[in-house]
Amino acid sequence: MPNIKSAIKRVDVAERNRQHNLAYRSAIRSLVKQYVNSLRTFTQARTPEALATSETALSAAYSKIDRAVRSGIIHKNNANRRKARLKLMLNKIVLKP
């Protein structure tokens, strides 16, 4: 445990930031899970409404991931890889006959 007052403050700030980043990452994971569930629904139903729901979920996930990059929570390459994998999942299902 630090003895210097400024070091004690930095420990508090670091913990607060860690909690914030943890919550943000959790929100990203939740949005990705919602997106995957909407893809499962689309796979079963194959309706335009289900596709629209999947695209809306994809857009929400993209938005949250992009905001995480702007905040410095995840790296830009990490975000691009995640978004590419999400889009690939949709393309595999939509383009499948």
C-alpha atoms as a PDB file:
ATOM      1  CA  MET A   1       0.000   0.000   0.000  1.00  0.00           C
ATOM      2  CA  PRO A   2       1.429   3.404  -0.914  1.00  0.00           C
ATOM      3  CA  ASN A   3       2.396   5.907   1.775  1.00  0.00           C
ATOM      4  CA  ILE A   4       2.436   9.072  -0.304  1.00  0.00           C
ATOM      5  CA  LYS A   5      -0.846  10.951  -0.601  1.00  0.00           C
ATOM      6  CA  SER A   6      -0.699  11.343  -4.399  1.00  0.00           C
ATOM      7  CA  ALA A   7       0.073   7.629  -4.802  1.00  0.00           C
ATOM      8  CA  ILE A   8      -2.935   6.759  -2.653  1.00  0.00           C
ATOM      9  CA  LYS A   9      -5.086   8.952  -4.898  1.00  0.00           C
ATOM     10  CA  ARG A  10      -3.698   7.240  -8.004  1.00  0.00           C
ATOM     11  CA  VAL A  11      -4.639   3.839  -6.564  1.00  0.00           C
ATOM     12  CA  ASP A  12      -8.198   5.100  -6.051  1.00  0.00           C
ATOM     13  CA  VAL A  13      -8.367   6.529  -9.581  1.00  0.00           C
ATOM     14  CA  ALA A  14      -6.949   3.345 -11.093  1.00  0.00           C
ATOM     15  CA  GLU A  15      -9.540   1.224  -9.284  1.00  0.00           C
ATOM     16  CA  ARG A  16     -12.372   3.508 -10.397  1.00  0.00           C
ATOM     17  CA  ASN A  17     -11.180   3.343 -14.002  1.00  0.00           C
ATOM     18  CA  ARG A  18     -10.800  -0.432 -13.799  1.00  0.00           C
ATOM     19  CA  GLN A  19     -14.394  -0.784 -12.602  1.00  0.00           C
ATOM     20  CA  HIS A  20     -15.628   1.499 -15.390  1.00  0.00           C
ATOM     21  CA  ASN A  21     -13.683  -0.429 -18.049  1.00  0.00           C
ATOM     22  CA  LEU A  22     -14.937  -3.731 -16.652  1.00  0.00           C
ATOM     23  CA  ALA A  23     -18.542  -2.542 -16.905  1.00  0.00           C
ATOM     24  CA  TYR A  24     -17.979  -1.344 -20.459  1.00  0.00           C
ATOM     25  CA  ARG A  25     -16.456  -4.654 -21.536  1.00  0.00           C
ATOM     26  CA  SER A  26     -19.368  -6.461 -19.933  1.00  0.00           C
ATOM     27  CA  ALA A  27     -21.814  -4.294 -21.884  1.00  0.00           C
ATOM     28  CA  ILE A  28     -20.003  -5.145 -25.118  1.00  0.00           C
ATOM     29  CA  ARG A  29     -20.225  -8.863 -24.317  1.00  0.00           C
ATOM     30  CA  SER A  30     -23.941  -8.520 -23.570  1.00  0.00           C
ATOM     31  CA  LEU A  31     -24.602  -6.777 -26.883  1.00  0.00           C
ATOM     32  CA  VAL A  32     -22.649  -9.442 -28.757  1.00  0.00           C
ATOM     33  CA  LYS A  33     -24.699 -12.164 -27.054  1.00  0.00           C
ATOM     34  CA  GLN A  34     -27.922 -10.370 -28.010  1.00  0.00           C
ATOM     35  CA  TYR A  35     -26.662 -10.199 -31.587  1.00  0.00           C
ATOM     36  CA  VAL A  36     -25.830 -13.916 -31.656  1.00  0.00           C
ATOM     37  CA  ASN A  37     -29.282 -14.738 -30.258  1.00  0.00           C
ATOM     38  CA  SER A  38     -30.913 -12.590 -32.934  1.00  0.00           C
ATOM     39  CA  LEU A  39     -28.907 -14.490 -35.571  1.00  0.00           C
ATOM     40  CA  ARG A  40     -30.208 -17.773 -34.156  1.00  0.00           C
ATOM     41  CA  THR A  41     -33.746 -16.417 -34.412  1.00  0.00           C
ATOM     42  CA  PHE A  42     -33.118 -15.332 -37.993  1.00  0.00           C
ATOM     43  CA  THR A  43     -31.711 -18.772 -38.849  1.00  0.00           C
ATOM     44  CA  GLN A  44     -34.901 -20.403 -37.629  1.00  0.00           C
ATOM     45  CA  ALA A  45     -37.416 -17.894 -38.979  1.00  0.00           C
ATOM     46  CA  ARG A  46     -35.751 -16.533 -42.166  1.00  0.00           C
ATOM     47  CA  THR A  47     -38.059 -13.509 -42.175  1.00  0.00           C
ATOM     48  CA  PRO A  48     -37.181  -9.927 -43.126  1.00  0.00           C
ATOM     49  CA  GLU A  49     -38.181  -8.776 -39.627  1.00  0.00           C
ATOM     50  CA  ALA A  50     -35.705 -11.184 -38.035  1.00  0.00           C
ATOM     51  CA  LEU A  51     -32.992  -9.945 -40.386  1.00  0.00           C
ATOM     52  CA  ALA A  52     -33.776  -6.336 -39.482  1.00  0.00           C
ATOM     53  CA  THR A  53     -33.550  -7.234 -35.791  1.00  0.00           C
ATOM     54  CA  SER A  54     -30.151  -8.836 -36.368  1.00  0.00           C
ATOM     55  CA  GLU A  55     -28.888  -5.803 -38.243  1.00  0.00           C
ATOM     56  CA  THR A  56     -30.128  -3.515 -35.470  1.00  0.00           C
ATOM     57  CA  ALA A  57     -28.319  -5.642 -32.882  1.00  0.00           C
ATOM     58  CA  LEU A  58     -25.177  -5.551 -35.044  1.00  0.00           C
ATOM     59  CA  SER A  59     -25.378  -1.781 -35.257  1.00  0.00           C
ATOM     60  CA  ALA A  60     -25.714  -1.486 -31.466  1.00  0.00           C
ATOM     61  CA  ALA A  61     -22.693  -3.737 -30.946  1.00  0.00           C
ATOM     62  CA  TYR A  62     -20.642  -1.761 -33.491  1.00  0.00           C
ATOM     63  CA  SER A  63     -21.553   1.477 -31.763  1.00  0.00           C
ATOM     64  CA  LYS A  64     -20.559   0.242 -28.312  1.00  0.00           C
ATOM     65  CA  ILE A  65     -17.283  -1.200 -29.626  1.00  0.00           C
ATOM     66  CA  ASP A  66     -16.420   2.058 -31.408  1.00  0.00           C
ATOM     67  CA  ARG A  67     -17.139   4.062 -28.263  1.00  0.00           C
ATOM     68  CA  ALA A  68     -14.867   1.735 -26.297  1.00  0.00           C
ATOM     69  CA  VAL A  69     -12.056   2.480 -28.747  1.00  0.00           C
ATOM     70  CA  ARG A  70     -12.595   6.226 -28.409  1.00  0.00           C
ATOM     71  CA  SER A  71     -12.484   5.879 -24.621  1.00  0.00           C
ATOM     72  CA  GLY A  72      -9.302   3.828 -24.774  1.00  0.00           C
ATOM     73  CA  ILE A  73     -10.916   0.759 -23.237  1.00  0.00           C
ATOM     74  CA  ILE A  74      -9.999  -1.581 -26.080  1.00  0.00           C
ATOM     75  CA  HIS A  75      -7.421  -1.266 -28.848  1.00  0.00           C
ATOM     76  CA  LYS A  76      -8.420  -0.257 -32.369  1.00  0.00           C
ATOM     77  CA  ASN A  77      -7.207  -3.528 -33.904  1.00  0.00           C
ATOM     78  CA  ASN A  78      -9.105  -5.530 -31.285  1.00  0.00           C
ATOM     79  CA  ALA A  79     -12.271  -3.613 -32.147  1.00  0.00           C
ATOM     80  CA  ASN A  80     -11.792  -4.115 -35.884  1.00  0.00           C
ATOM     81  CA  ARG A  81     -11.256  -7.843 -35.399  1.00  0.00           C
ATOM     82  CA  ARG A  82     -14.414  -8.133 -33.279  1.00  0.00           C
ATOM     83  CA  LYS A  83     -16.508  -6.202 -35.782  1.00  0.00           C
ATOM     84  CA  ALA A  84     -15.183  -8.257 -38.695  1.00  0.00           C
ATOM     85  CA  ARG A  85     -16.081 -11.494 -36.916  1.00  0.00           C
ATOM     86  CA  LEU A  86     -19.585 -10.243 -36.133  1.00  0.00           C
ATOM     87  CA  LYS A  87     -20.167  -9.231 -39.749  1.00  0.00           C
ATOM     88  CA  LEU A  88     -18.757 -12.554 -40.962  1.00  0.00           C
ATOM     89  CA  MET A  89     -21.300 -14.400 -38.818  1.00  0.00           C
ATOM     90  CA  LEU A  90     -24.131 -12.448 -40.449  1.00  0.00           C
ATOM     91  CA  ASN A  91     -22.758 -12.930 -43.969  1.00  0.00           C
ATOM     92  CA  LYS A  92     -22.384 -16.677 -43.512  1.00  0.00           C
ATOM     93  CA  ILE A  93     -26.025 -16.982 -42.493  1.00  0.00           C
ATOM     94  CA  VAL A  94     -27.531 -14.540 -45.001  1.00  0.00           C
ATOM     95  CA  LEU A  95     -25.554 -15.742 -48.012  1.00  0.00           C
ATOM     96  CA  LYS A  96     -26.143 -19.386 -47.173  1.00  0.00           C
ATOM     97  CA  PRO A  97     -28.774 -20.861 -49.543  1.00  0.00           C
END
